[in-house]
Amino acid sequence: MEAKPPIELADFQRVDLRVGRIVAVEEFPEARRPSYKLTIDFGPLGVKRSSAAIRPWYAPEDLIGRLIIAVVNLPVRRVAGFPSEVLVLGAIQPDGRVILLQPDQPTDPGNPIA
């Protein structure tokens, strides 16, 4: 995958990246790709929902309680009729697998990413 063109620091600073804790996971058979509906606690920002195409690589029981990193200030996007409020971030591997980004030490949901 090629690098994207440079952006201004001010553009990047507009992206609100936060720590969240997954509190519920539901199967999402209506989605085009194998996905889950995630319910994520962002502390003072409240609970938000997201569609995540990660079902081939993560079991629901492995996701509950997991800390993740998400973009919380994008417009709501409807995925197969489901309102996805945040974008959960992951590293895409050469074989297509997605590895969720997470803090390497305990931290509170809602904390910003610098």
PDB file of N, CA and C in Angstrom:
ATOM      1  N   MET A   1       0.845  -1.172   0.000  1.00  0.00           N
ATOM      2  CA  MET A   1       0.000   0.000   0.000  1.00  0.00           C
ATOM      3  C   MET A   1       0.893   1.238   0.000  1.00  0.00           C
ATOM      4  N   GLU A   2       0.586   2.148  -0.899  1.00  0.00           N
ATOM      5  CA  GLU A   2       1.398   3.363  -1.022  1.00  0.00           C
ATOM      6  C   GLU A   2       1.058   4.372   0.066  1.00  0.00           C
ATOM      7  N   ALA A   3       2.044   5.211   0.372  1.00  0.00           N
ATOM      8  CA  ALA A   3       1.826   6.286   1.338  1.00  0.00           C
ATOM      9  C   ALA A   3       0.877   7.313   0.742  1.00  0.00           C
ATOM     10  N   LYS A   4       0.087   7.934   1.603  1.00  0.00           N
ATOM     11  CA  LYS A   4      -0.840   8.985   1.166  1.00  0.00           C
ATOM     12  C   LYS A   4      -0.107  10.314   1.140  1.00  0.00           C
ATOM     13  N   PRO A   5      -0.627  11.290   0.403  1.00  0.00           N
ATOM     14  CA  PRO A   5       0.049  12.592   0.338  1.00  0.00           C
ATOM     15  C   PRO A   5       0.054  13.274   1.707  1.00  0.00           C
ATOM     16  N   PRO A   6       1.033  14.152   1.945  1.00  0.00           N
ATOM     17  CA  PRO A   6       1.121  14.844   3.230  1.00  0.00           C
ATOM     18  C   PRO A   6      -0.117  15.705   3.493  1.00  0.00           C
ATOM     19  N   ILE A   7      -0.421  15.862   4.776  1.00  0.00           N
ATOM     20  CA  ILE A   7      -1.485  16.766   5.207  1.00  0.00           C
ATOM     21  C   ILE A   7      -0.893  17.752   6.202  1.00  0.00           C
ATOM     22  N   GLU A   8      -1.609  18.807   6.454  1.00  0.00           N
ATOM     23  CA  GLU A   8      -1.171  19.793   7.438  1.00  0.00           C
ATOM     24  C   GLU A   8      -1.442  19.266   8.844  1.00  0.00           C
ATOM     25  N   LEU A   9      -0.610  19.649   9.802  1.00  0.00           N
ATOM     26  CA  LEU A   9      -0.799  19.247  11.192  1.00  0.00           C
ATOM     27  C   LEU A   9      -2.184  19.649  11.683  1.00  0.00           C
ATOM     28  N   ALA A  10      -2.655  20.812  11.284  1.00  0.00           N
ATOM     29  CA  ALA A  10      -3.982  21.279  11.712  1.00  0.00           C
ATOM     30  C   ALA A  10      -5.082  20.313  11.265  1.00  0.00           C
ATOM     31  N   ASP A  11      -4.923  19.702  10.082  1.00  0.00           N
ATOM     32  CA  ASP A  11      -5.909  18.721   9.618  1.00  0.00           C
ATOM     33  C   ASP A  11      -5.916  17.501  10.531  1.00  0.00           C
ATOM     34  N   PHE A  12      -4.742  17.008  10.876  1.00  0.00           N
ATOM     35  CA  PHE A  12      -4.648  15.844  11.758  1.00  0.00           C
ATOM     36  C   PHE A  12      -5.212  16.157  13.139  1.00  0.00           C
ATOM     37  N   GLN A  13      -4.966  17.355  13.643  1.00  0.00           N
ATOM     38  CA  GLN A  13      -5.428  17.728  14.981  1.00  0.00           C
ATOM     39  C   GLN A  13      -6.951  17.796  15.075  1.00  0.00           C
ATOM     40  N   ARG A  14      -7.641  17.861  13.962  1.00  0.00           N
ATOM     41  CA  ARG A  14      -9.105  17.861  13.968  1.00  0.00           C
ATOM     42  C   ARG A  14      -9.678  16.468  14.205  1.00  0.00           C
ATOM     43  N   VAL A  15      -8.861  15.426  14.026  1.00  0.00           N
ATOM     44  CA  VAL A  15      -9.313  14.051  14.231  1.00  0.00           C
ATOM     45  C   VAL A  15      -9.298  13.761  15.733  1.00  0.00           C
ATOM     46  N   ASP A  16     -10.455  13.368  16.274  1.00  0.00           N
ATOM     47  CA  ASP A  16     -10.574  13.088  17.708  1.00  0.00           C
ATOM     48  C   ASP A  16     -10.428  11.586  17.933  1.00  0.00           C
ATOM     49  N   LEU A  17      -9.223  11.170  18.321  1.00  0.00           N
ATOM     50  CA  LEU A  17      -8.914   9.767  18.602  1.00  0.00           C
ATOM     51  C   LEU A  17      -9.055   9.536  20.096  1.00  0.00           C
ATOM     52  N   ARG A  18      -9.799   8.495  20.476  1.00  0.00           N
ATOM     53  CA  ARG A  18     -10.040   8.215  21.889  1.00  0.00           C
ATOM     54  C   ARG A  18      -9.903   6.730  22.188  1.00  0.00           C
ATOM     55  N   VAL A  19      -9.617   6.452  23.464  1.00  0.00           N
ATOM     56  CA  VAL A  19      -9.619   5.086  23.976  1.00  0.00           C
ATOM     57  C   VAL A  19     -11.063   4.715  24.295  1.00  0.00           C
ATOM     58  N   GLY A  20     -11.452   3.508  23.923  1.00  0.00           N
ATOM     59  CA  GLY A  20     -12.771   2.989  24.273  1.00  0.00           C
ATOM     60  C   GLY A  20     -12.648   1.575  24.802  1.00  0.00           C
ATOM     61  N   ARG A  21     -13.681   1.133  25.529  1.00  0.00           N
ATOM     62  CA  ARG A  21     -13.725  -0.247  26.028  1.00  0.00           C
ATOM     63  C   ARG A  21     -14.964  -0.921  25.431  1.00  0.00           C
ATOM     64  N   ILE A  22     -14.749  -2.035  24.745  1.00  0.00           N
ATOM     65  CA  ILE A  22     -15.862  -2.776  24.153  1.00  0.00           C
ATOM     66  C   ILE A  22     -16.664  -3.424  25.278  1.00  0.00           C
ATOM     67  N   VAL A  23     -17.971  -3.130  25.309  1.00  0.00           N
ATOM     68  CA  VAL A  23     -18.829  -3.659  26.373  1.00  0.00           C
ATOM     69  C   VAL A  23     -19.861  -4.659  25.856  1.00  0.00           C
ATOM     70  N   ALA A  24     -20.107  -4.681  24.546  1.00  0.00           N
ATOM     71  CA  ALA A  24     -21.044  -5.653  23.975  1.00  0.00           C
ATOM     72  C   ALA A  24     -20.684  -5.904  22.517  1.00  0.00           C
ATOM     73  N   VAL A  25     -20.941  -7.136  22.076  1.00  0.00           N
ATOM     74  CA  VAL A  25     -20.651  -7.554  20.699  1.00  0.00           C
ATOM     75  C   VAL A  25     -21.852  -8.338  20.181  1.00  0.00           C
ATOM     76  N   GLU A  26     -22.332  -7.969  18.992  1.00  0.00           N
ATOM     77  CA  GLU A  26     -23.440  -8.685  18.352  1.00  0.00           C
ATOM     78  C   GLU A  26     -23.021  -9.106  16.949  1.00  0.00           C
ATOM     79  N   GLU A  27     -23.479 -10.277  16.517  1.00  0.00           N
ATOM     80  CA  GLU A  27     -23.288 -10.691  15.129  1.00  0.00           C
ATOM     81  C   GLU A  27     -23.999  -9.682  14.222  1.00  0.00           C
ATOM     82  N   PHE A  28     -23.496  -9.516  13.005  1.00  0.00           N
ATOM     83  CA  PHE A  28     -24.075  -8.552  12.069  1.00  0.00           C
ATOM     84  C   PHE A  28     -24.199  -9.205  10.692  1.00  0.00           C
ATOM     85  N   PRO A  29     -25.133 -10.159  10.536  1.00  0.00           N
ATOM     86  CA  PRO A  29     -25.231 -10.902   9.276  1.00  0.00           C
ATOM     87  C   PRO A  29     -25.656 -10.055   8.081  1.00  0.00           C
ATOM     88  N   GLU A  30     -26.277  -8.889   8.313  1.00  0.00           N
ATOM     89  CA  GLU A  30     -26.722  -8.040   7.207  1.00  0.00           C
ATOM     90  C   GLU A  30     -25.563  -7.320   6.511  1.00  0.00           C
ATOM     91  N   ALA A  31     -24.435  -7.205   7.167  1.00  0.00           N
ATOM     92  CA  ALA A  31     -23.274  -6.509   6.595  1.00  0.00           C
ATOM     93  C   ALA A  31     -22.710  -7.306   5.417  1.00  0.00           C
ATOM     94  N   ARG A  32     -22.130  -6.589   4.447  1.00  0.00           N
ATOM     95  CA  ARG A  32     -21.544  -7.256   3.273  1.00  0.00           C
ATOM     96  C   ARG A  32     -20.339  -8.104   3.641  1.00  0.00           C
ATOM     97  N   ARG A  33     -19.508  -7.597   4.545  1.00  0.00           N
ATOM     98  CA  ARG A  33     -18.326  -8.348   4.992  1.00  0.00           C
ATOM     99  C   ARG A  33     -18.603  -8.892   6.390  1.00  0.00           C
ATOM    100  N   PRO A  34     -17.963  -9.992   6.789  1.00  0.00           N
ATOM    101  CA  PRO A  34     -18.201 -10.557   8.123  1.00  0.00           C
ATOM    102  C   PRO A  34     -17.876  -9.529   9.218  1.00  0.00           C
ATOM    103  N   SER A  35     -18.909  -9.107   9.931  1.00  0.00           N
ATOM    104  CA  SER A  35     -18.769  -7.979  10.851  1.00  0.00           C
ATOM    105  C   SER A  35     -19.467  -8.236  12.175  1.00  0.00           C
ATOM    106  N   TYR A  36     -19.146  -7.367  13.124  1.00  0.00           N
ATOM    107  CA  TYR A  36     -19.848  -7.301  14.403  1.00  0.00           C
ATOM    108  C   TYR A  36     -20.418  -5.901  14.578  1.00  0.00           C
ATOM    109  N   LYS A  37     -21.476  -5.813  15.386  1.00  0.00           N
ATOM    110  CA  LYS A  37     -21.939  -4.544  15.925  1.00  0.00           C
ATOM    111  C   LYS A  37     -21.308  -4.435  17.306  1.00  0.00           C
ATOM    112  N   LEU A  38     -20.482  -3.419  17.503  1.00  0.00           N
ATOM    113  CA  LEU A  38     -19.797  -3.225  18.778  1.00  0.00           C
ATOM    114  C   LEU A  38     -20.462  -2.096  19.552  1.00  0.00           C
ATOM    115  N   THR A  39     -20.604  -2.282  20.859  1.00  0.00           N
ATOM    116  CA  THR A  39     -21.012  -1.218  21.767  1.00  0.00           C
ATOM    117  C   THR A  39     -19.778  -0.875  22.579  1.00  0.00           C
ATOM    118  N   ILE A  40     -19.396   0.407  22.567  1.00  0.00           N
ATOM    119  CA  ILE A  40     -18.107   0.826  23.127  1.00  0.00           C
ATOM    120  C   ILE A  40     -18.322   1.963  24.116  1.00  0.00           C
ATOM    121  N   ASP A  41     -17.745   1.813  25.304  1.00  0.00           N
ATOM    122  CA  ASP A  41     -17.810   2.844  26.347  1.00  0.00           C
ATOM    123  C   ASP A  41     -16.630   3.795  26.168  1.00  0.00           C
ATOM    124  N   PHE A  42     -16.947   5.078  26.015  1.00  0.00           N
ATOM    125  CA  PHE A  42     -15.917   6.106  25.896  1.00  0.00           C
ATOM    126  C   PHE A  42     -15.915   7.026  27.116  1.00  0.00           C
ATOM    127  N   GLY A  43     -16.218   6.484  28.288  1.00  0.00           N
ATOM    128  CA  GLY A  43     -16.161   7.263  29.527  1.00  0.00           C
ATOM    129  C   GLY A  43     -17.049   8.484  29.456  1.00  0.00           C
ATOM    130  N   PRO A  44     -16.460   9.683  29.664  1.00  0.00           N
ATOM    131  CA  PRO A  44     -17.267  10.903  29.695  1.00  0.00           C
ATOM    132  C   PRO A  44     -17.973  11.221  28.372  1.00  0.00           C
ATOM    133  N   LEU A  45     -17.532  10.614  27.268  1.00  0.00           N
ATOM    134  CA  LEU A  45     -18.192  10.838  25.974  1.00  0.00           C
ATOM    135  C   LEU A  45     -19.422   9.957  25.796  1.00  0.00           C
ATOM    136  N   GLY A  46     -19.602   9.000  26.686  1.00  0.00           N
ATOM    137  CA  GLY A  46     -20.753   8.110  26.613  1.00  0.00           C
ATOM    138  C   GLY A  46     -20.473   6.830  25.853  1.00  0.00           C
ATOM    139  N   VAL A  47     -21.540   6.093  25.617  1.00  0.00           N
ATOM    140  CA  VAL A  47     -21.471   4.810  24.917  1.00  0.00           C
ATOM    141  C   VAL A  47     -21.842   5.044  23.458  1.00  0.00           C
ATOM    142  N   LYS A  48     -21.035   4.483  22.563  1.00  0.00           N
ATOM    143  CA  LYS A  48     -21.252   4.642  21.121  1.00  0.00           C
ATOM    144  C   LYS A  48     -21.223   3.259  20.475  1.00  0.00           C
ATOM    145  N   ARG A  49     -21.772   3.184  19.249  1.00  0.00           N
ATOM    146  CA  ARG A  49     -21.817   1.909  18.532  1.00  0.00           C
ATOM    147  C   ARG A  49     -21.024   2.001  17.239  1.00  0.00           C
ATOM    148  N   SER A  50     -20.503   0.856  16.809  1.00  0.00           N
ATOM    149  CA  SER A  50     -19.706   0.815  15.591  1.00  0.00           C
ATOM    150  C   SER A  50     -19.875  -0.529  14.905  1.00  0.00           C
ATOM    151  N   SER A  51     -19.844  -0.504  13.586  1.00  0.00           N
ATOM    152  CA  SER A  51     -19.750  -1.726  12.801  1.00  0.00           C
ATOM    153  C   SER A  51     -18.268  -1.970  12.544  1.00  0.00           C
ATOM    154  N   ALA A  52     -17.811  -3.192  12.784  1.00  0.00           N
ATOM    155  CA  ALA A  52     -16.395  -3.516  12.576  1.00  0.00           C
ATOM    156  C   ALA A  52     -16.290  -4.841  11.824  1.00  0.00           C
ATOM    157  N   ALA A  53     -15.627  -4.817  10.668  1.00  0.00           N
ATOM    158  CA  ALA A  53     -15.464  -6.011   9.828  1.00  0.00           C
ATOM    159  C   ALA A  53     -14.267  -6.822  10.310  1.00  0.00           C
ATOM    160  N   ILE A  54     -14.405  -7.388  11.510  1.00  0.00           N
ATOM    161  CA  ILE A  54     -13.298  -8.116  12.146  1.00  0.00           C
ATOM    162  C   ILE A  54     -13.693  -9.531  12.557  1.00  0.00           C
ATOM    163  N   ARG A  55     -14.890  -9.976  12.172  1.00  0.00           N
ATOM    164  CA  ARG A  55     -15.390 -11.265  12.646  1.00  0.00           C
ATOM    165  C   ARG A  55     -14.484 -12.447  12.317  1.00  0.00           C
ATOM    166  N   PRO A  56     -13.807 -12.489  11.156  1.00  0.00           N
ATOM    167  CA  PRO A  56     -12.959 -13.659  10.890  1.00  0.00           C
ATOM    168  C   PRO A  56     -11.780 -13.812  11.858  1.00  0.00           C
ATOM    169  N   TRP A  57     -11.398 -12.747  12.545  1.00  0.00           N
ATOM    170  CA  TRP A  57     -10.173 -12.773  13.342  1.00  0.00           C
ATOM    171  C   TRP A  57     -10.392 -12.653  14.842  1.00  0.00           C
ATOM    172  N   TYR A  58     -11.592 -12.308  15.259  1.00  0.00           N
ATOM    173  CA  TYR A  58     -11.863 -12.112  16.687  1.00  0.00           C
ATOM    174  C   TYR A  58     -13.172 -12.790  17.067  1.00  0.00           C
ATOM    175  N   ALA A  59     -13.144 -13.540  18.165  1.00  0.00           N
ATOM    176  CA  ALA A  59     -14.365 -14.113  18.735  1.00  0.00           C
ATOM    177  C   ALA A  59     -14.996 -13.073  19.662  1.00  0.00           C
ATOM    178  N   PRO A  60     -16.322 -13.062  19.787  1.00  0.00           N
ATOM    179  CA  PRO A  60     -16.967 -12.074  20.658  1.00  0.00           C
ATOM    180  C   PRO A  60     -16.409 -12.062  22.078  1.00  0.00           C
ATOM    181  N   GLU A  61     -16.162 -13.232  22.628  1.00  0.00           N
ATOM    182  CA  GLU A  61     -15.669 -13.292  24.015  1.00  0.00           C
ATOM    183  C   GLU A  61     -14.267 -12.700  24.163  1.00  0.00           C
ATOM    184  N   ASP A  62     -13.504 -12.636  23.076  1.00  0.00           N
ATOM    185  CA  ASP A  62     -12.171 -12.027  23.124  1.00  0.00           C
ATOM    186  C   ASP A  62     -12.232 -10.507  23.006  1.00  0.00           C
ATOM    187  N   LEU A  63     -13.379  -9.992  22.579  1.00  0.00           N
ATOM    188  CA  LEU A  63     -13.520  -8.547  22.399  1.00  0.00           C
ATOM    189  C   LEU A  63     -14.088  -7.846  23.628  1.00  0.00           C
ATOM    190  N   ILE A  64     -14.952  -8.520  24.372  1.00  0.00           N
ATOM    191  CA  ILE A  64     -15.581  -7.902  25.544  1.00  0.00           C
ATOM    192  C   ILE A  64     -14.499  -7.492  26.542  1.00  0.00           C
ATOM    193  N   GLY A  65     -14.527  -6.215  26.937  1.00  0.00           N
ATOM    194  CA  GLY A  65     -13.557  -5.688  27.895  1.00  0.00           C
ATOM    195  C   GLY A  65     -12.282  -5.169  27.265  1.00  0.00           C
ATOM    196  N   ARG A  66     -12.086  -5.399  25.988  1.00  0.00           N
ATOM    197  CA  ARG A  66     -10.861  -4.967  25.305  1.00  0.00           C
ATOM    198  C   ARG A  66     -10.860  -3.455  25.105  1.00  0.00           C
ATOM    199  N   LEU A  67      -9.709  -2.836  25.355  1.00  0.00           N
ATOM    200  CA  LEU A  67      -9.529  -1.426  25.037  1.00  0.00           C
ATOM    201  C   LEU A  67      -9.171  -1.303  23.563  1.00  0.00           C
ATOM    202  N   ILE A  68      -9.760  -0.304  22.906  1.00  0.00           N
ATOM    203  CA  ILE A  68      -9.497  -0.054  21.484  1.00  0.00           C
ATOM    204  C   ILE A  68      -9.237   1.433  21.286  1.00  0.00           C
ATOM    205  N   ILE A  69      -8.820   1.785  20.085  1.00  0.00           N
ATOM    206  CA  ILE A  69      -8.653   3.183  19.682  1.00  0.00           C
ATOM    207  C   ILE A  69      -9.672   3.439  18.570  1.00  0.00           C
ATOM    208  N   ALA A  70     -10.368   4.578  18.655  1.00  0.00           N
ATOM    209  CA  ALA A  70     -11.377   4.896  17.642  1.00  0.00           C
ATOM    210  C   ALA A  70     -11.389   6.388  17.339  1.00  0.00           C
ATOM    211  N   VAL A  71     -11.837   6.709  16.134  1.00  0.00           N
ATOM    212  CA  VAL A  71     -12.122   8.096  15.757  1.00  0.00           C
ATOM    213  C   VAL A  71     -13.570   8.349  16.160  1.00  0.00           C
ATOM    214  N   VAL A  72     -13.788   9.380  16.991  1.00  0.00           N
ATOM    215  CA  VAL A  72     -15.129   9.607  17.536  1.00  0.00           C
ATOM    216  C   VAL A  72     -15.837  10.828  16.954  1.00  0.00           C
ATOM    217  N   ASN A  73     -15.197  11.552  16.037  1.00  0.00           N
ATOM    218  CA  ASN A  73     -15.845  12.760  15.514  1.00  0.00           C
ATOM    219  C   ASN A  73     -16.104  12.717  14.000  1.00  0.00           C
ATOM    220  N   LEU A  74     -16.319  11.529  13.469  1.00  0.00           N
ATOM    221  CA  LEU A  74     -16.757  11.399  12.076  1.00  0.00           C
ATOM    222  C   LEU A  74     -18.287  11.417  12.041  1.00  0.00           C
ATOM    223  N   PRO A  75     -18.883  11.784  10.910  1.00  0.00           N
ATOM    224  CA  PRO A  75     -20.344  11.696  10.812  1.00  0.00           C
ATOM    225  C   PRO A  75     -20.798  10.243  10.950  1.00  0.00           C
ATOM    226  N   VAL A  76     -22.006  10.046  11.451  1.00  0.00           N
ATOM    227  CA  VAL A  76     -22.572   8.704  11.551  1.00  0.00           C
ATOM    228  C   VAL A  76     -22.681   8.127  10.142  1.00  0.00           C
ATOM    229  N   ARG A  77     -22.272   6.870  10.015  1.00  0.00           N
ATOM    230  CA  ARG A  77     -22.330   6.176   8.718  1.00  0.00           C
ATOM    231  C   ARG A  77     -23.250   4.970   8.868  1.00  0.00           C
ATOM    232  N   ARG A  78     -24.214   4.849   7.986  1.00  0.00           N
ATOM    233  CA  ARG A  78     -25.136   3.716   8.049  1.00  0.00           C
ATOM    234  C   ARG A  78     -24.525   2.532   7.295  1.00  0.00           C
ATOM    235  N   VAL A  79     -24.422   1.407   7.989  1.00  0.00           N
ATOM    236  CA  VAL A  79     -23.897   0.174   7.411  1.00  0.00           C
ATOM    237  C   VAL A  79     -25.029  -0.847   7.472  1.00  0.00           C
ATOM    238  N   ALA A  80     -25.573  -1.203   6.319  1.00  0.00           N
ATOM    239  CA  ALA A  80     -26.712  -2.133   6.252  1.00  0.00           C
ATOM    240  C   ALA A  80     -27.817  -1.706   7.223  1.00  0.00           C
ATOM    241  N   GLY A  81     -28.089  -0.397   7.263  1.00  0.00           N
ATOM    242  CA  GLY A  81     -29.135   0.141   8.118  1.00  0.00           C
ATOM    243  C   GLY A  81     -28.735   0.421   9.551  1.00  0.00           C
ATOM    244  N   PHE A  82     -27.541   0.001   9.944  1.00  0.00           N
ATOM    245  CA  PHE A  82     -27.058   0.186  11.321  1.00  0.00           C
ATOM    246  C   PHE A  82     -26.255   1.479  11.409  1.00  0.00           C
ATOM    247  N   PRO A  83     -26.565   2.368  12.371  1.00  0.00           N
ATOM    248  CA  PRO A  83     -25.817   3.622  12.502  1.00  0.00           C
ATOM    249  C   PRO A  83     -24.475   3.407  13.211  1.00  0.00           C
ATOM    250  N   SER A  84     -23.398   3.460  12.448  1.00  0.00           N
ATOM    251  CA  SER A  84     -22.054   3.305  13.002  1.00  0.00           C
ATOM    252  C   SER A  84     -21.544   4.695  13.379  1.00  0.00           C
ATOM    253  N   GLU A  85     -21.353   4.919  14.691  1.00  0.00           N
ATOM    254  CA  GLU A  85     -21.049   6.252  15.215  1.00  0.00           C
ATOM    255  C   GLU A  85     -19.565   6.565  15.313  1.00  0.00           C
ATOM    256  N   VAL A  86     -18.729   5.536  15.395  1.00  0.00           N
ATOM    257  CA  VAL A  86     -17.285   5.739  15.533  1.00  0.00           C
ATOM    258  C   VAL A  86     -16.560   4.784  14.597  1.00  0.00           C
ATOM    259  N   LEU A  87     -15.305   5.096  14.292  1.00  0.00           N
ATOM    260  CA  LEU A  87     -14.472   4.247  13.444  1.00  0.00           C
ATOM    261  C   LEU A  87     -13.394   3.606  14.312  1.00  0.00           C
ATOM    262  N   VAL A  88     -13.514   2.296  14.517  1.00  0.00           N
ATOM    263  CA  VAL A  88     -12.527   1.546  15.288  1.00  0.00           C
ATOM    264  C   VAL A  88     -11.310   1.324  14.395  1.00  0.00           C
ATOM    265  N   LEU A  89     -10.118   1.570  14.934  1.00  0.00           N
ATOM    266  CA  LEU A  89      -8.896   1.506  14.131  1.00  0.00           C
ATOM    267  C   LEU A  89      -8.195   0.160  14.257  1.00  0.00           C
ATOM    268  N   GLY A  90      -7.622  -0.279  13.144  1.00  0.00           N
ATOM    269  CA  GLY A  90      -6.864  -1.516  13.128  1.00  0.00           C
ATOM    270  C   GLY A  90      -5.787  -1.453  12.062  1.00  0.00           C
ATOM    271  N   ALA A  91      -4.778  -2.278  12.229  1.00  0.00           N
ATOM    272  CA  ALA A  91      -3.687  -2.382  11.258  1.00  0.00           C
ATOM    273  C   ALA A  91      -4.042  -3.485  10.261  1.00  0.00           C
ATOM    274  N   ILE A  92      -4.040  -3.138   8.971  1.00  0.00           N
ATOM    275  CA  ILE A  92      -4.371  -4.101   7.925  1.00  0.00           C
ATOM    276  C   ILE A  92      -3.093  -4.822   7.512  1.00  0.00           C
ATOM    277  N   GLN A  93      -3.122  -6.138   7.649  1.00  0.00           N
ATOM    278  CA  GLN A  93      -1.972  -6.967   7.311  1.00  0.00           C
ATOM    279  C   GLN A  93      -1.957  -7.273   5.812  1.00  0.00           C
ATOM    280  N   PRO A  94      -0.795  -7.666   5.253  1.00  0.00           N
ATOM    281  CA  PRO A  94      -0.722  -7.983   3.820  1.00  0.00           C
ATOM    282  C   PRO A  94      -1.732  -9.050   3.381  1.00  0.00           C
ATOM    283  N   ASP A  95      -2.087  -9.974   4.282  1.00  0.00           N
ATOM    284  CA  ASP A  95      -3.053 -11.023   3.927  1.00  0.00           C
ATOM    285  C   ASP A  95      -4.504 -10.586   4.143  1.00  0.00           C
ATOM    286  N   GLY A  96      -4.719  -9.313   4.535  1.00  0.00           N
ATOM    287  CA  GLY A  96      -6.067  -8.790   4.722  1.00  0.00           C
ATOM    288  C   GLY A  96      -6.573  -8.826   6.147  1.00  0.00           C
ATOM    289  N   ARG A  97      -5.877  -9.545   7.032  1.00  0.00           N
ATOM    290  CA  ARG A  97      -6.296  -9.575   8.441  1.00  0.00           C
ATOM    291  C   ARG A  97      -6.254  -8.172   9.028  1.00  0.00           C
ATOM    292  N   VAL A  98      -7.118  -7.944  10.007  1.00  0.00           N
ATOM    293  CA  VAL A  98      -7.130  -6.669  10.717  1.00  0.00           C
ATOM    294  C   VAL A  98      -6.755  -6.932  12.169  1.00  0.00           C
ATOM    295  N   ILE A  99      -5.758  -6.192  12.650  1.00  0.00           N
ATOM    296  CA  ILE A  99      -5.336  -6.283  14.048  1.00  0.00           C
ATOM    297  C   ILE A  99      -5.745  -4.981  14.723  1.00  0.00           C
ATOM    298  N   LEU A 100      -6.633  -5.085  15.714  1.00  0.00           N
ATOM    299  CA  LEU A 100      -7.129  -3.891  16.391  1.00  0.00           C
ATOM    300  C   LEU A 100      -6.010  -3.152  17.111  1.00  0.00           C
ATOM    301  N   LEU A 101      -6.035  -1.820  17.012  1.00  0.00           N
ATOM    302  CA  LEU A 101      -5.092  -0.993  17.767  1.00  0.00           C
ATOM    303  C   LEU A 101      -5.595  -0.875  19.194  1.00  0.00           C
ATOM    304  N   GLN A 102      -4.659  -0.940  20.142  1.00  0.00           N
ATOM    305  CA  GLN A 102      -5.025  -0.830  21.552  1.00  0.00           C
ATOM    306  C   GLN A 102      -3.866  -0.223  22.326  1.00  0.00           C
ATOM    307  N   PRO A 103      -4.163   0.427  23.464  1.00  0.00           N
ATOM    308  CA  PRO A 103      -3.079   0.957  24.291  1.00  0.00           C
ATOM    309  C   PRO A 103      -2.232  -0.197  24.826  1.00  0.00           C
ATOM    310  N   ASP A 104      -0.941   0.052  25.036  1.00  0.00           N
ATOM    311  CA  ASP A 104      -0.080  -1.021  25.559  1.00  0.00           C
ATOM    312  C   ASP A 104      -0.028  -1.036  27.081  1.00  0.00           C
ATOM    313  N   GLN A 105      -0.720  -0.098  27.729  1.00  0.00           N
ATOM    314  CA  GLN A 105      -0.845  -0.084  29.186  1.00  0.00           C
ATOM    315  C   GLN A 105      -2.284   0.290  29.531  1.00  0.00           C
ATOM    316  N   PRO A 106      -2.746  -0.063  30.740  1.00  0.00           N
ATOM    317  CA  PRO A 106      -4.114   0.298  31.124  1.00  0.00           C
ATOM    318  C   PRO A 106      -4.313   1.813  31.113  1.00  0.00           C
ATOM    319  N   THR A 107      -5.472   2.235  30.658  1.00  0.00           N
ATOM    320  CA  THR A 107      -5.854   3.644  30.635  1.00  0.00           C
ATOM    321  C   THR A 107      -7.373   3.711  30.669  1.00  0.00           C
ATOM    322  N   ASP A 108      -7.908   4.877  30.925  1.00  0.00           N
ATOM    323  CA  ASP A 108      -9.355   5.016  31.074  1.00  0.00           C
ATOM    324  C   ASP A 108     -10.048   5.253  29.735  1.00  0.00           C
ATOM    325  N   PRO A 109     -11.236   4.663  29.560  1.00  0.00           N
ATOM    326  CA  PRO A 109     -12.032   4.967  28.377  1.00  0.00           C
ATOM    327  C   PRO A 109     -12.312   6.465  28.288  1.00  0.00           C
ATOM    328  N   GLY A 110     -12.239   6.968  27.072  1.00  0.00           N
ATOM    329  CA  GLY A 110     -12.462   8.388  26.833  1.00  0.00           C
ATOM    330  C   GLY A 110     -11.188   9.199  26.768  1.00  0.00           C
ATOM    331  N   ASN A 111     -10.071   8.627  27.247  1.00  0.00           N
ATOM    332  CA  ASN A 111      -8.819   9.384  27.188  1.00  0.00           C
ATOM    333  C   ASN A 111      -8.440   9.646  25.735  1.00  0.00           C
ATOM    334  N   PRO A 112      -7.964  10.874  25.451  1.00  0.00           N
ATOM    335  CA  PRO A 112      -7.580  11.200  24.077  1.00  0.00           C
ATOM    336  C   PRO A 112      -6.241  10.577  23.699  1.00  0.00           C
ATOM    337  N   ILE A 113      -6.066  10.374  22.409  1.00  0.00           N
ATOM    338  CA  ILE A 113      -4.809   9.884  21.851  1.00  0.00           C
ATOM    339  C   ILE A 113      -4.077  11.086  21.274  1.00  0.00           C
ATOM    340  N   ALA A 114      -2.811  11.236  21.652  1.00  0.00           N
ATOM    341  CA  ALA A 114      -2.013  12.380  21.186  1.00  0.00           C
ATOM    342  C   ALA A 114      -1.158  11.972  20.006  1.00  0.00           C
TER     343      ALA A 114
END
